[in-house]
Amino acid sequence: MKPESVLRATTILAAAASLVLSVWLYFQSNSVEDRLNGIYVGVWVPSILALGAFLLAGSGKKG
């Protein structure tokens, strides 16, 4: 596999895992303070996707 393909797949899997974890944390909690953990983890999703896009743009072919 190409390194770009591995990076793309890893980014998507990490963002999906973060989304699933945030939904699970949000709905399994019993108090408002605990629900904030789910929201906090949910904020990671766009950050992970932005990091992946940044790394993929930097690995573009030069020449």
N, C-alpha and C. Protein backbone atom coordinates (compact mmCIF):
# COMPACT_ATOMS: atom_id res chain seq x y z
N MET A 1 0.83 -1.19 0.00
CA MET A 1 0.00 0.00 0.00
C MET A 1 0.87 1.25 0.00
N LYS A 2 0.37 2.27 -0.63
CA LYS A 2 1.07 3.54 -0.67
C LYS A 2 0.96 4.22 0.70
N PRO A 3 1.97 5.00 1.06
CA PRO A 3 1.90 5.72 2.35
C PRO A 3 0.71 6.67 2.42
N GLU A 4 0.35 7.29 1.30
CA GLU A 4 -0.80 8.19 1.30
C GLU A 4 -2.10 7.44 1.61
N SER A 5 -2.22 6.24 1.08
CA SER A 5 -3.41 5.43 1.34
C SER A 5 -3.49 5.02 2.81
N VAL A 6 -2.34 4.68 3.38
CA VAL A 6 -2.31 4.30 4.80
C VAL A 6 -2.68 5.50 5.67
N LEU A 7 -2.12 6.66 5.34
CA LEU A 7 -2.44 7.87 6.11
C LEU A 7 -3.91 8.23 5.99
N ARG A 8 -4.46 8.12 4.80
CA ARG A 8 -5.88 8.43 4.58
C ARG A 8 -6.77 7.48 5.38
N ALA A 9 -6.46 6.19 5.32
CA ALA A 9 -7.26 5.21 6.05
C ALA A 9 -7.13 5.38 7.56
N THR A 10 -5.92 5.66 8.02
CA THR A 10 -5.71 5.87 9.45
C THR A 10 -6.47 7.09 9.95
N THR A 11 -6.45 8.15 9.17
CA THR A 11 -7.17 9.37 9.55
C THR A 11 -8.67 9.11 9.65
N ILE A 12 -9.22 8.45 8.67
CA ILE A 12 -10.66 8.17 8.68
C ILE A 12 -11.02 7.25 9.84
N LEU A 13 -10.22 6.22 10.08
CA LEU A 13 -10.50 5.30 11.19
C LEU A 13 -10.40 5.99 12.55
N ALA A 14 -9.41 6.86 12.72
CA ALA A 14 -9.25 7.57 13.98
C ALA A 14 -10.43 8.53 14.21
N ALA A 15 -10.86 9.21 13.17
CA ALA A 15 -12.00 10.12 13.31
C ALA A 15 -13.29 9.34 13.60
N ALA A 16 -13.48 8.22 12.94
CA ALA A 16 -14.67 7.40 13.19
C ALA A 16 -14.65 6.83 14.61
N ALA A 17 -13.50 6.39 15.07
CA ALA A 17 -13.40 5.87 16.44
C ALA A 17 -13.69 6.96 17.46
N SER A 18 -13.20 8.17 17.20
CA SER A 18 -13.48 9.29 18.09
C SER A 18 -14.96 9.61 18.13
N LEU A 19 -15.62 9.56 16.98
CA LEU A 19 -17.06 9.83 16.92
C LEU A 19 -17.84 8.78 17.71
N VAL A 20 -17.51 7.52 17.50
CA VAL A 20 -18.21 6.44 18.21
C VAL A 20 -17.96 6.55 19.71
N LEU A 21 -16.73 6.82 20.11
CA LEU A 21 -16.41 6.96 21.52
C LEU A 21 -17.16 8.13 22.14
N SER A 22 -17.25 9.25 21.43
CA SER A 22 -17.94 10.40 21.99
C SER A 22 -19.43 10.14 22.17
N VAL A 23 -20.04 9.47 21.21
CA VAL A 23 -21.47 9.15 21.34
C VAL A 23 -21.69 8.19 22.50
N TRP A 24 -20.81 7.21 22.64
CA TRP A 24 -20.93 6.26 23.75
C TRP A 24 -20.75 6.95 25.09
N LEU A 25 -19.75 7.80 25.21
CA LEU A 25 -19.52 8.52 26.46
C LEU A 25 -20.70 9.43 26.80
N TYR A 26 -21.25 10.09 25.80
CA TYR A 26 -22.36 11.01 26.04
C TYR A 26 -23.60 10.29 26.56
N PHE A 27 -23.94 9.18 25.92
CA PHE A 27 -25.19 8.52 26.28
C PHE A 27 -25.07 7.55 27.45
N GLN A 28 -23.87 7.14 27.83
CA GLN A 28 -23.74 6.24 28.96
C GLN A 28 -23.64 7.00 30.27
N SER A 29 -23.48 8.31 30.21
CA SER A 29 -23.26 9.11 31.42
C SER A 29 -24.57 9.36 32.16
N ASN A 30 -24.43 9.61 33.46
CA ASN A 30 -25.59 9.86 34.30
C ASN A 30 -25.72 11.31 34.73
N SER A 31 -24.66 12.07 34.59
CA SER A 31 -24.71 13.46 35.04
C SER A 31 -24.26 14.40 33.93
N VAL A 32 -24.56 15.66 34.11
CA VAL A 32 -24.20 16.66 33.11
C VAL A 32 -22.69 16.77 32.99
N GLU A 33 -21.98 16.69 34.11
CA GLU A 33 -20.52 16.78 34.07
C GLU A 33 -19.91 15.64 33.26
N ASP A 34 -20.48 14.45 33.40
CA ASP A 34 -19.96 13.32 32.64
C ASP A 34 -20.27 13.44 31.15
N ARG A 35 -21.39 14.08 30.81
CA ARG A 35 -21.73 14.26 29.40
C ARG A 35 -20.75 15.19 28.70
N LEU A 36 -20.14 16.07 29.47
CA LEU A 36 -19.16 16.97 28.89
C LEU A 36 -17.95 16.20 28.34
N ASN A 37 -17.65 15.05 28.92
CA ASN A 37 -16.56 14.22 28.39
C ASN A 37 -16.87 13.76 26.97
N GLY A 38 -18.11 13.38 26.72
CA GLY A 38 -18.51 12.98 25.38
C GLY A 38 -18.42 14.13 24.39
N ILE A 39 -18.81 15.32 24.83
CA ILE A 39 -18.71 16.49 23.95
C ILE A 39 -17.25 16.80 23.67
N TYR A 40 -16.42 16.71 24.70
CA TYR A 40 -14.99 16.98 24.54
C TYR A 40 -14.35 16.04 23.52
N VAL A 41 -14.66 14.77 23.63
CA VAL A 41 -14.10 13.80 22.68
C VAL A 41 -14.67 14.04 21.29
N GLY A 42 -15.91 14.49 21.20
CA GLY A 42 -16.51 14.79 19.90
C GLY A 42 -15.81 15.93 19.17
N VAL A 43 -15.20 16.83 19.93
CA VAL A 43 -14.47 17.95 19.32
C VAL A 43 -13.19 17.46 18.65
N TRP A 44 -12.72 16.28 19.00
CA TRP A 44 -11.51 15.74 18.39
C TRP A 44 -11.71 15.41 16.91
N VAL A 45 -12.93 15.07 16.52
CA VAL A 45 -13.17 14.59 15.15
C VAL A 45 -12.69 15.59 14.09
N PRO A 46 -13.14 16.85 14.13
CA PRO A 46 -12.63 17.77 13.09
C PRO A 46 -11.14 18.03 13.21
N SER A 47 -10.61 17.97 14.43
CA SER A 47 -9.16 18.17 14.60
C SER A 47 -8.38 17.04 13.95
N ILE A 48 -8.84 15.81 14.11
CA ILE A 48 -8.17 14.66 13.50
C ILE A 48 -8.25 14.75 11.98
N LEU A 49 -9.42 15.12 11.46
CA LEU A 49 -9.56 15.24 10.01
C LEU A 49 -8.71 16.38 9.46
N ALA A 50 -8.61 17.49 10.19
CA ALA A 50 -7.77 18.60 9.74
C ALA A 50 -6.30 18.21 9.74
N LEU A 51 -5.86 17.49 10.76
CA LEU A 51 -4.48 17.03 10.81
C LEU A 51 -4.18 16.09 9.64
N GLY A 52 -5.10 15.18 9.36
CA GLY A 52 -4.91 14.27 8.22
C GLY A 52 -4.84 15.02 6.90
N ALA A 53 -5.70 16.03 6.72
CA ALA A 53 -5.67 16.82 5.49
C ALA A 53 -4.37 17.59 5.38
N PHE A 54 -3.89 18.13 6.50
CA PHE A 54 -2.63 18.87 6.51
C PHE A 54 -1.47 17.95 6.14
N LEU A 55 -1.44 16.77 6.71
CA LEU A 55 -0.35 15.83 6.41
C LEU A 55 -0.41 15.34 4.96
N LEU A 56 -1.62 15.10 4.46
CA LEU A 56 -1.75 14.67 3.07
C LEU A 56 -1.37 15.77 2.10
N ALA A 57 -1.69 17.01 2.42
CA ALA A 57 -1.31 18.12 1.54
C ALA A 57 0.20 18.31 1.54
N GLY A 58 0.83 18.06 2.68
CA GLY A 58 2.28 18.20 2.77
C GLY A 58 3.03 17.08 2.08
N SER A 59 2.36 15.94 1.90
CA SER A 59 3.04 14.81 1.26
C SER A 59 2.81 14.77 -0.24
N GLY A 60 2.26 15.85 -0.80
CA GLY A 60 2.00 15.91 -2.24
C GLY A 60 3.29 15.84 -3.03
N LYS A 61 3.17 15.45 -4.27
CA LYS A 61 4.36 15.31 -5.12
C LYS A 61 4.89 16.69 -5.49
N LYS A 62 6.16 16.85 -5.30
CA LYS A 62 6.81 18.11 -5.65
C LYS A 62 7.66 17.86 -6.90
N GLY A 63 7.51 18.74 -7.84
CA GLY A 63 8.33 18.53 -8.99
C GLY A 63 7.75 18.93 -10.24
